[in-house]
Amino acid sequence: MPTIYQYLASDHHRCDDHFSTAEEMVVKGKWHAAKTGFAQFSAAMAHHFGMEEQVLFPAFERVTGNAAGPTLMMRREHGQMRELLDSLNNAITEQDADEYAGLSETLLILMQQHNLKEEQVLYPMSDQLLNRTVDELLEQMATVPDHGG
């Protein structure tokens, strides 16, 4: 089985690929394809957030005894990204490429910073602290509903 780092970092790349596809369709003015691509991206993000918020974060908090540390910050950033996803969806519905571009740039920066923190700090800590239950946690993550992404 992979590590938590490998599993979730790989999922970051899956989300990034969907993000790129949606953005490419917006740039080309292919609004139907953009809507489809964005729906896939949004679903992939919801699934990723679910794996972390329903499985990883609670396990991390149980072991550390700390719900006000890195997982709190990650949850807050997930909330910020969810708001941007809603705004991006509206921009696609309105077929507003300029609005989408600005929001997309903001989301990209937030995702890059967020993923860096997870991949350099949270996931390695999780692999170390949760080493005895990694396989079980990954199995639980695999059962989180996929939301179609």
N, C-alpha and C. Protein backbone atom coordinates (compact mmCIF):
# COMPACT_ATOMS: atom_id res chain seq x y z
N MET A 1 0.84 -1.19 0.00
CA MET A 1 0.00 0.00 0.00
C MET A 1 0.88 1.25 0.00
N PRO A 2 0.42 2.30 -0.63
CA PRO A 2 1.18 3.55 -0.61
C PRO A 2 1.13 4.21 0.76
N THR A 3 1.93 5.23 0.93
CA THR A 3 1.87 6.04 2.15
C THR A 3 0.73 7.05 2.01
N ILE A 4 0.39 7.70 3.11
CA ILE A 4 -0.60 8.78 3.05
C ILE A 4 -0.11 9.85 2.10
N TYR A 5 1.17 10.18 2.21
CA TYR A 5 1.76 11.19 1.33
C TYR A 5 1.56 10.80 -0.14
N GLN A 6 1.94 9.59 -0.50
CA GLN A 6 1.84 9.16 -1.90
C GLN A 6 0.39 9.18 -2.38
N TYR A 7 -0.50 8.68 -1.55
CA TYR A 7 -1.91 8.57 -1.92
C TYR A 7 -2.55 9.94 -2.15
N LEU A 8 -2.34 10.84 -1.20
CA LEU A 8 -3.01 12.14 -1.29
C LEU A 8 -2.28 13.12 -2.22
N ALA A 9 -0.96 13.03 -2.30
CA ALA A 9 -0.22 13.89 -3.25
C ALA A 9 -0.60 13.50 -4.68
N SER A 10 -0.76 12.21 -4.92
CA SER A 10 -1.20 11.74 -6.23
C SER A 10 -2.59 12.29 -6.55
N ASP A 11 -3.45 12.34 -5.53
CA ASP A 11 -4.79 12.88 -5.74
C ASP A 11 -4.74 14.38 -6.01
N HIS A 12 -3.78 15.09 -5.42
CA HIS A 12 -3.59 16.51 -5.76
C HIS A 12 -3.36 16.64 -7.27
N HIS A 13 -2.53 15.78 -7.82
CA HIS A 13 -2.22 15.83 -9.25
C HIS A 13 -3.47 15.55 -10.09
N ARG A 14 -4.30 14.61 -9.63
CA ARG A 14 -5.56 14.31 -10.33
C ARG A 14 -6.45 15.55 -10.36
N CYS A 15 -6.56 16.22 -9.23
CA CYS A 15 -7.36 17.44 -9.16
C CYS A 15 -6.77 18.52 -10.07
N ASP A 16 -5.45 18.67 -10.04
CA ASP A 16 -4.78 19.67 -10.89
C ASP A 16 -5.05 19.43 -12.37
N ASP A 17 -5.05 18.16 -12.77
CA ASP A 17 -5.32 17.83 -14.17
C ASP A 17 -6.73 18.26 -14.58
N HIS A 18 -7.71 18.02 -13.71
CA HIS A 18 -9.08 18.45 -14.00
C HIS A 18 -9.16 19.98 -14.06
N PHE A 19 -8.45 20.65 -13.16
CA PHE A 19 -8.42 22.11 -13.14
C PHE A 19 -7.89 22.65 -14.46
N SER A 20 -6.79 22.09 -14.93
CA SER A 20 -6.18 22.53 -16.19
C SER A 20 -7.12 22.33 -17.37
N THR A 21 -7.79 21.20 -17.40
CA THR A 21 -8.72 20.90 -18.49
C THR A 21 -9.85 21.93 -18.53
N ALA A 22 -10.43 22.21 -17.37
CA ALA A 22 -11.53 23.18 -17.32
C ALA A 22 -11.05 24.56 -17.77
N GLU A 23 -9.90 24.96 -17.29
CA GLU A 23 -9.37 26.29 -17.65
C GLU A 23 -9.10 26.38 -19.15
N GLU A 24 -8.56 25.32 -19.71
CA GLU A 24 -8.27 25.30 -21.15
C GLU A 24 -9.56 25.48 -21.96
N MET A 25 -10.63 24.84 -21.55
CA MET A 25 -11.90 24.95 -22.26
C MET A 25 -12.48 26.37 -22.14
N VAL A 26 -12.31 27.00 -20.98
CA VAL A 26 -12.78 28.38 -20.81
C VAL A 26 -12.01 29.30 -21.75
N VAL A 27 -10.68 29.14 -21.78
CA VAL A 27 -9.84 29.97 -22.64
C VAL A 27 -10.26 29.83 -24.11
N LYS A 28 -10.61 28.61 -24.51
CA LYS A 28 -11.02 28.36 -25.90
C LYS A 28 -12.46 28.75 -26.16
N GLY A 29 -13.19 29.15 -25.11
CA GLY A 29 -14.58 29.52 -25.27
C GLY A 29 -15.50 28.34 -25.51
N LYS A 30 -15.06 27.17 -25.17
CA LYS A 30 -15.87 25.95 -25.31
C LYS A 30 -16.64 25.75 -24.01
N TRP A 31 -17.74 26.46 -23.88
CA TRP A 31 -18.43 26.57 -22.60
C TRP A 31 -19.06 25.26 -22.14
N HIS A 32 -19.60 24.47 -23.05
CA HIS A 32 -20.18 23.19 -22.64
C HIS A 32 -19.09 22.28 -22.08
N ALA A 33 -17.97 22.19 -22.78
CA ALA A 33 -16.84 21.38 -22.32
C ALA A 33 -16.26 21.97 -21.03
N ALA A 34 -16.24 23.29 -20.92
CA ALA A 34 -15.74 23.94 -19.70
C ALA A 34 -16.63 23.56 -18.51
N LYS A 35 -17.93 23.59 -18.73
CA LYS A 35 -18.86 23.24 -17.65
C LYS A 35 -18.66 21.79 -17.22
N THR A 36 -18.49 20.89 -18.18
CA THR A 36 -18.26 19.48 -17.88
C THR A 36 -16.93 19.30 -17.16
N GLY A 37 -15.87 19.94 -17.68
CA GLY A 37 -14.54 19.84 -17.06
C GLY A 37 -14.52 20.42 -15.66
N PHE A 38 -15.23 21.54 -15.49
CA PHE A 38 -15.26 22.16 -14.17
C PHE A 38 -16.04 21.29 -13.19
N ALA A 39 -17.11 20.66 -13.65
CA ALA A 39 -17.87 19.75 -12.78
C ALA A 39 -16.99 18.60 -12.32
N GLN A 40 -16.16 18.08 -13.22
CA GLN A 40 -15.23 17.01 -12.85
C GLN A 40 -14.20 17.51 -11.84
N PHE A 41 -13.68 18.70 -12.06
CA PHE A 41 -12.72 19.29 -11.14
C PHE A 41 -13.35 19.51 -9.77
N SER A 42 -14.53 20.10 -9.76
CA SER A 42 -15.22 20.39 -8.51
C SER A 42 -15.51 19.10 -7.74
N ALA A 43 -15.93 18.06 -8.44
CA ALA A 43 -16.20 16.77 -7.80
C ALA A 43 -14.91 16.16 -7.25
N ALA A 44 -13.82 16.27 -8.01
CA ALA A 44 -12.53 15.74 -7.55
C ALA A 44 -12.08 16.46 -6.28
N MET A 45 -12.28 17.76 -6.24
CA MET A 45 -11.91 18.54 -5.05
C MET A 45 -12.78 18.14 -3.86
N ALA A 46 -14.08 17.99 -4.08
CA ALA A 46 -14.99 17.59 -3.00
C ALA A 46 -14.57 16.22 -2.45
N HIS A 47 -14.21 15.31 -3.33
CA HIS A 47 -13.76 13.99 -2.91
C HIS A 47 -12.47 14.09 -2.11
N HIS A 48 -11.53 14.88 -2.59
CA HIS A 48 -10.26 15.04 -1.89
C HIS A 48 -10.49 15.64 -0.50
N PHE A 49 -11.27 16.71 -0.44
CA PHE A 49 -11.58 17.32 0.86
C PHE A 49 -12.24 16.30 1.78
N GLY A 50 -13.14 15.49 1.23
CA GLY A 50 -13.82 14.48 2.03
C GLY A 50 -12.86 13.47 2.62
N MET A 51 -11.89 13.01 1.81
CA MET A 51 -10.92 12.03 2.33
C MET A 51 -10.14 12.62 3.49
N GLU A 52 -9.79 13.89 3.37
CA GLU A 52 -9.02 14.53 4.44
C GLU A 52 -9.90 14.83 5.66
N GLU A 53 -11.05 15.45 5.43
CA GLU A 53 -11.88 15.91 6.54
C GLU A 53 -12.60 14.77 7.27
N GLN A 54 -12.93 13.70 6.56
CA GLN A 54 -13.65 12.60 7.18
C GLN A 54 -12.73 11.51 7.74
N VAL A 55 -11.52 11.40 7.18
CA VAL A 55 -10.64 10.30 7.58
C VAL A 55 -9.32 10.81 8.17
N LEU A 56 -8.53 11.52 7.37
CA LEU A 56 -7.18 11.88 7.80
C LEU A 56 -7.18 12.84 8.99
N PHE A 57 -7.89 13.95 8.87
CA PHE A 57 -7.83 14.96 9.92
C PHE A 57 -8.30 14.41 11.27
N PRO A 58 -9.43 13.71 11.34
CA PRO A 58 -9.84 13.16 12.64
C PRO A 58 -8.81 12.19 13.22
N ALA A 59 -8.20 11.37 12.38
CA ALA A 59 -7.17 10.43 12.87
C ALA A 59 -5.95 11.19 13.39
N PHE A 60 -5.54 12.21 12.65
CA PHE A 60 -4.40 13.04 13.05
C PHE A 60 -4.70 13.72 14.39
N GLU A 61 -5.91 14.25 14.52
CA GLU A 61 -6.30 14.97 15.74
C GLU A 61 -6.39 14.02 16.93
N ARG A 62 -6.85 12.78 16.72
CA ARG A 62 -6.91 11.80 17.82
C ARG A 62 -5.51 11.50 18.33
N VAL A 63 -4.58 11.30 17.43
CA VAL A 63 -3.22 10.92 17.82
C VAL A 63 -2.48 12.09 18.46
N THR A 64 -2.66 13.29 17.94
CA THR A 64 -1.93 14.45 18.47
C THR A 64 -2.66 15.10 19.64
N GLY A 65 -3.97 14.84 19.76
CA GLY A 65 -4.76 15.50 20.79
C GLY A 65 -4.95 16.98 20.50
N ASN A 66 -4.77 17.37 19.24
CA ASN A 66 -4.81 18.78 18.88
C ASN A 66 -5.70 18.99 17.66
N ALA A 67 -6.84 19.63 17.88
CA ALA A 67 -7.73 19.96 16.77
C ALA A 67 -7.57 21.42 16.35
N ALA A 68 -6.66 22.13 16.99
CA ALA A 68 -6.47 23.56 16.68
C ALA A 68 -5.15 23.81 15.96
N GLY A 69 -4.51 22.76 15.48
CA GLY A 69 -3.23 22.90 14.81
C GLY A 69 -3.37 22.94 13.31
N PRO A 70 -2.55 22.18 12.61
CA PRO A 70 -2.53 22.24 11.15
C PRO A 70 -3.85 21.83 10.50
N THR A 71 -4.58 20.93 11.12
CA THR A 71 -5.83 20.50 10.51
C THR A 71 -6.88 21.62 10.53
N LEU A 72 -6.85 22.45 11.54
CA LEU A 72 -7.77 23.59 11.59
C LEU A 72 -7.48 24.53 10.43
N MET A 73 -6.20 24.80 10.19
CA MET A 73 -5.81 25.69 9.09
C MET A 73 -6.21 25.07 7.75
N MET A 74 -6.02 23.77 7.61
CA MET A 74 -6.36 23.11 6.35
C MET A 74 -7.87 23.17 6.10
N ARG A 75 -8.66 22.98 7.16
CA ARG A 75 -10.12 23.08 7.02
C ARG A 75 -10.54 24.49 6.60
N ARG A 76 -9.91 25.48 7.19
CA ARG A 76 -10.22 26.88 6.82
C ARG A 76 -9.90 27.13 5.34
N GLU A 77 -8.75 26.62 4.91
CA GLU A 77 -8.38 26.79 3.51
C GLU A 77 -9.32 26.01 2.59
N HIS A 78 -9.78 24.86 3.02
CA HIS A 78 -10.78 24.13 2.23
C HIS A 78 -12.03 24.99 2.07
N GLY A 79 -12.43 25.67 3.13
CA GLY A 79 -13.59 26.55 3.06
C GLY A 79 -13.38 27.68 2.06
N GLN A 80 -12.19 28.27 2.08
CA GLN A 80 -11.88 29.33 1.11
C GLN A 80 -11.94 28.80 -0.32
N MET A 81 -11.41 27.60 -0.51
CA MET A 81 -11.43 27.02 -1.86
C MET A 81 -12.85 26.68 -2.29
N ARG A 82 -13.68 26.21 -1.36
CA ARG A 82 -15.09 25.92 -1.71
C ARG A 82 -15.80 27.20 -2.17
N GLU A 83 -15.54 28.32 -1.50
CA GLU A 83 -16.14 29.59 -1.91
C GLU A 83 -15.69 29.98 -3.32
N LEU A 84 -14.40 29.81 -3.59
CA LEU A 84 -13.89 30.11 -4.93
C LEU A 84 -14.49 29.17 -5.98
N LEU A 85 -14.66 27.90 -5.62
CA LEU A 85 -15.28 26.96 -6.55
C LEU A 85 -16.70 27.40 -6.90
N ASP A 86 -17.45 27.87 -5.92
CA ASP A 86 -18.81 28.36 -6.17
C ASP A 86 -18.77 29.56 -7.12
N SER A 87 -17.84 30.47 -6.87
CA SER A 87 -17.72 31.66 -7.73
C SER A 87 -17.28 31.29 -9.14
N LEU A 88 -16.37 30.34 -9.24
CA LEU A 88 -15.93 29.87 -10.56
C LEU A 88 -17.09 29.21 -11.32
N ASN A 89 -17.89 28.43 -10.61
CA ASN A 89 -19.05 27.81 -11.24
C ASN A 89 -20.00 28.87 -11.78
N ASN A 90 -20.19 29.93 -11.01
CA ASN A 90 -21.05 31.03 -11.47
C ASN A 90 -20.46 31.70 -12.71
N ALA A 91 -19.15 31.89 -12.74
CA ALA A 91 -18.51 32.51 -13.90
C ALA A 91 -18.70 31.65 -15.14
N ILE A 92 -18.64 30.34 -14.98
CA ILE A 92 -18.87 29.45 -16.12
C ILE A 92 -20.33 29.53 -16.56
N THR A 93 -21.24 29.53 -15.61
CA THR A 93 -22.66 29.63 -15.94
C THR A 93 -22.94 30.92 -16.71
N GLU A 94 -22.28 32.00 -16.31
CA GLU A 94 -22.44 33.30 -16.97
C GLU A 94 -21.58 33.44 -18.22
N GLN A 95 -20.75 32.43 -18.47
CA GLN A 95 -19.80 32.43 -19.58
C GLN A 95 -18.94 33.70 -19.57
N ASP A 96 -18.42 34.00 -18.38
CA ASP A 96 -17.59 35.18 -18.17
C ASP A 96 -16.12 34.74 -18.04
N ALA A 97 -15.42 34.74 -19.15
CA ALA A 97 -14.04 34.26 -19.18
C ALA A 97 -13.11 35.13 -18.33
N ASP A 98 -13.33 36.44 -18.32
CA ASP A 98 -12.47 37.32 -17.53
C ASP A 98 -12.63 37.06 -16.03
N GLU A 99 -13.86 36.93 -15.59
CA GLU A 99 -14.13 36.63 -14.18
C GLU A 99 -13.52 35.28 -13.81
N TYR A 100 -13.73 34.31 -14.70
CA TYR A 100 -13.18 32.97 -14.45
C TYR A 100 -11.66 33.05 -14.33
N ALA A 101 -11.01 33.79 -15.22
CA ALA A 101 -9.55 33.87 -15.21
C ALA A 101 -9.02 34.45 -13.91
N GLY A 102 -9.65 35.50 -13.43
CA GLY A 102 -9.21 36.11 -12.18
C GLY A 102 -9.40 35.19 -10.98
N LEU A 103 -10.57 34.58 -10.90
CA LEU A 103 -10.85 33.66 -9.80
C LEU A 103 -9.96 32.41 -9.89
N SER A 104 -9.74 31.96 -11.10
CA SER A 104 -8.92 30.78 -11.33
C SER A 104 -7.48 31.02 -10.86
N GLU A 105 -6.98 32.21 -11.13
CA GLU A 105 -5.62 32.55 -10.69
C GLU A 105 -5.54 32.56 -9.16
N THR A 106 -6.55 33.12 -8.52
CA THR A 106 -6.60 33.14 -7.05
C THR A 106 -6.65 31.72 -6.50
N LEU A 107 -7.50 30.89 -7.08
CA LEU A 107 -7.62 29.50 -6.62
C LEU A 107 -6.31 28.74 -6.84
N LEU A 108 -5.68 28.96 -7.97
CA LEU A 108 -4.43 28.26 -8.26
C LEU A 108 -3.37 28.59 -7.20
N ILE A 109 -3.24 29.85 -6.86
CA ILE A 109 -2.25 30.25 -5.84
C ILE A 109 -2.59 29.61 -4.50
N LEU A 110 -3.86 29.66 -4.13
CA LEU A 110 -4.29 29.07 -2.86
C LEU A 110 -4.04 27.56 -2.85
N MET A 111 -4.37 26.89 -3.95
CA MET A 111 -4.15 25.44 -4.02
C MET A 111 -2.66 25.10 -3.93
N GLN A 112 -1.84 25.87 -4.62
CA GLN A 112 -0.40 25.59 -4.60
C GLN A 112 0.16 25.74 -3.18
N GLN A 113 -0.22 26.82 -2.51
CA GLN A 113 0.26 27.03 -1.14
C GLN A 113 -0.27 25.95 -0.20
N HIS A 114 -1.54 25.62 -0.35
CA HIS A 114 -2.19 24.62 0.49
C HIS A 114 -1.54 23.25 0.28
N ASN A 115 -1.38 22.86 -0.96
CA ASN A 115 -0.80 21.55 -1.27
C ASN A 115 0.63 21.45 -0.77
N LEU A 116 1.36 22.53 -0.86
CA LEU A 116 2.74 22.55 -0.37
C LEU A 116 2.78 22.28 1.14
N LYS A 117 1.90 22.93 1.88
CA LYS A 117 1.84 22.70 3.33
C LYS A 117 1.47 21.26 3.65
N GLU A 118 0.50 20.73 2.91
CA GLU A 118 0.11 19.35 3.16
C GLU A 118 1.24 18.39 2.80
N GLU A 119 1.84 18.60 1.63
CA GLU A 119 2.84 17.65 1.15
C GLU A 119 4.18 17.77 1.88
N GLN A 120 4.50 18.95 2.40
CA GLN A 120 5.77 19.10 3.10
C GLN A 120 5.66 18.94 4.61
N VAL A 121 4.45 19.11 5.15
CA VAL A 121 4.31 19.06 6.60
C VAL A 121 3.28 18.02 7.04
N LEU A 122 2.03 18.21 6.67
CA LEU A 122 0.95 17.39 7.22
C LEU A 122 1.04 15.92 6.82
N TYR A 123 1.24 15.65 5.55
CA TYR A 123 1.28 14.25 5.12
C TYR A 123 2.48 13.50 5.70
N PRO A 124 3.70 14.08 5.65
CA PRO A 124 4.81 13.36 6.29
C PRO A 124 4.59 13.14 7.79
N MET A 125 4.05 14.15 8.49
CA MET A 125 3.74 13.98 9.91
C MET A 125 2.71 12.87 10.10
N SER A 126 1.71 12.84 9.23
CA SER A 126 0.67 11.83 9.32
C SER A 126 1.24 10.43 9.10
N ASP A 127 2.11 10.29 8.11
CA ASP A 127 2.73 8.99 7.87
C ASP A 127 3.53 8.53 9.09
N GLN A 128 4.19 9.48 9.73
CA GLN A 128 4.99 9.13 10.91
C GLN A 128 4.10 8.81 12.12
N LEU A 129 3.15 9.69 12.41
CA LEU A 129 2.31 9.53 13.60
C LEU A 129 1.29 8.41 13.48
N LEU A 130 0.84 8.15 12.25
CA LEU A 130 -0.22 7.18 12.03
C LEU A 130 0.31 5.91 11.36
N ASN A 131 1.61 5.67 11.49
CA ASN A 131 2.25 4.58 10.74
C ASN A 131 1.61 3.22 10.97
N ARG A 132 1.05 2.99 12.12
CA ARG A 132 0.45 1.68 12.41
C ARG A 132 -0.92 1.50 11.78
N THR A 133 -1.53 2.61 11.39
CA THR A 133 -2.89 2.53 10.85
C THR A 133 -3.00 3.05 9.42
N VAL A 134 -1.87 3.26 8.75
CA VAL A 134 -1.91 3.83 7.40
C VAL A 134 -2.78 3.00 6.46
N ASP A 135 -2.58 1.69 6.43
CA ASP A 135 -3.36 0.85 5.52
C ASP A 135 -4.85 0.98 5.78
N GLU A 136 -5.22 0.96 7.05
CA GLU A 136 -6.63 1.09 7.43
C GLU A 136 -7.18 2.46 7.01
N LEU A 137 -6.40 3.51 7.23
CA LEU A 137 -6.85 4.86 6.85
C LEU A 137 -7.02 4.99 5.35
N LEU A 138 -6.09 4.41 4.58
CA LEU A 138 -6.20 4.48 3.13
C LEU A 138 -7.42 3.70 2.64
N GLU A 139 -7.72 2.59 3.29
CA GLU A 139 -8.94 1.84 2.95
C GLU A 139 -10.18 2.68 3.23
N GLN A 140 -10.17 3.40 4.36
CA GLN A 140 -11.30 4.28 4.69
C GLN A 140 -11.43 5.41 3.67
N MET A 141 -10.29 5.97 3.26
CA MET A 141 -10.31 7.05 2.26
C MET A 141 -10.90 6.54 0.95
N ALA A 142 -10.59 5.30 0.61
CA ALA A 142 -11.09 4.72 -0.64
C ALA A 142 -12.61 4.55 -0.63
N THR A 143 -13.22 4.54 0.56
CA THR A 143 -14.67 4.37 0.65
C THR A 143 -15.41 5.71 0.72
N VAL A 144 -14.68 6.83 0.76
CA VAL A 144 -15.34 8.13 0.76
C VAL A 144 -16.02 8.30 -0.59
N PRO A 145 -17.30 8.70 -0.60
CA PRO A 145 -18.03 8.85 -1.88
C PRO A 145 -17.25 9.71 -2.87
N ASP A 146 -17.29 9.30 -4.14
CA ASP A 146 -16.48 9.92 -5.18
C ASP A 146 -17.10 11.18 -5.79
N HIS A 147 -18.30 11.50 -5.64
CA HIS A 147 -18.93 12.71 -6.18
C HIS A 147 -18.80 12.83 -7.70
N GLY A 148 -18.44 11.74 -8.39
CA GLY A 148 -18.40 11.76 -9.85
C GLY A 148 -17.14 12.30 -10.47
N GLY A 149 -16.09 12.58 -9.70
CA GLY A 149 -14.85 13.17 -10.24
C GLY A 149 -13.91 12.15 -10.69
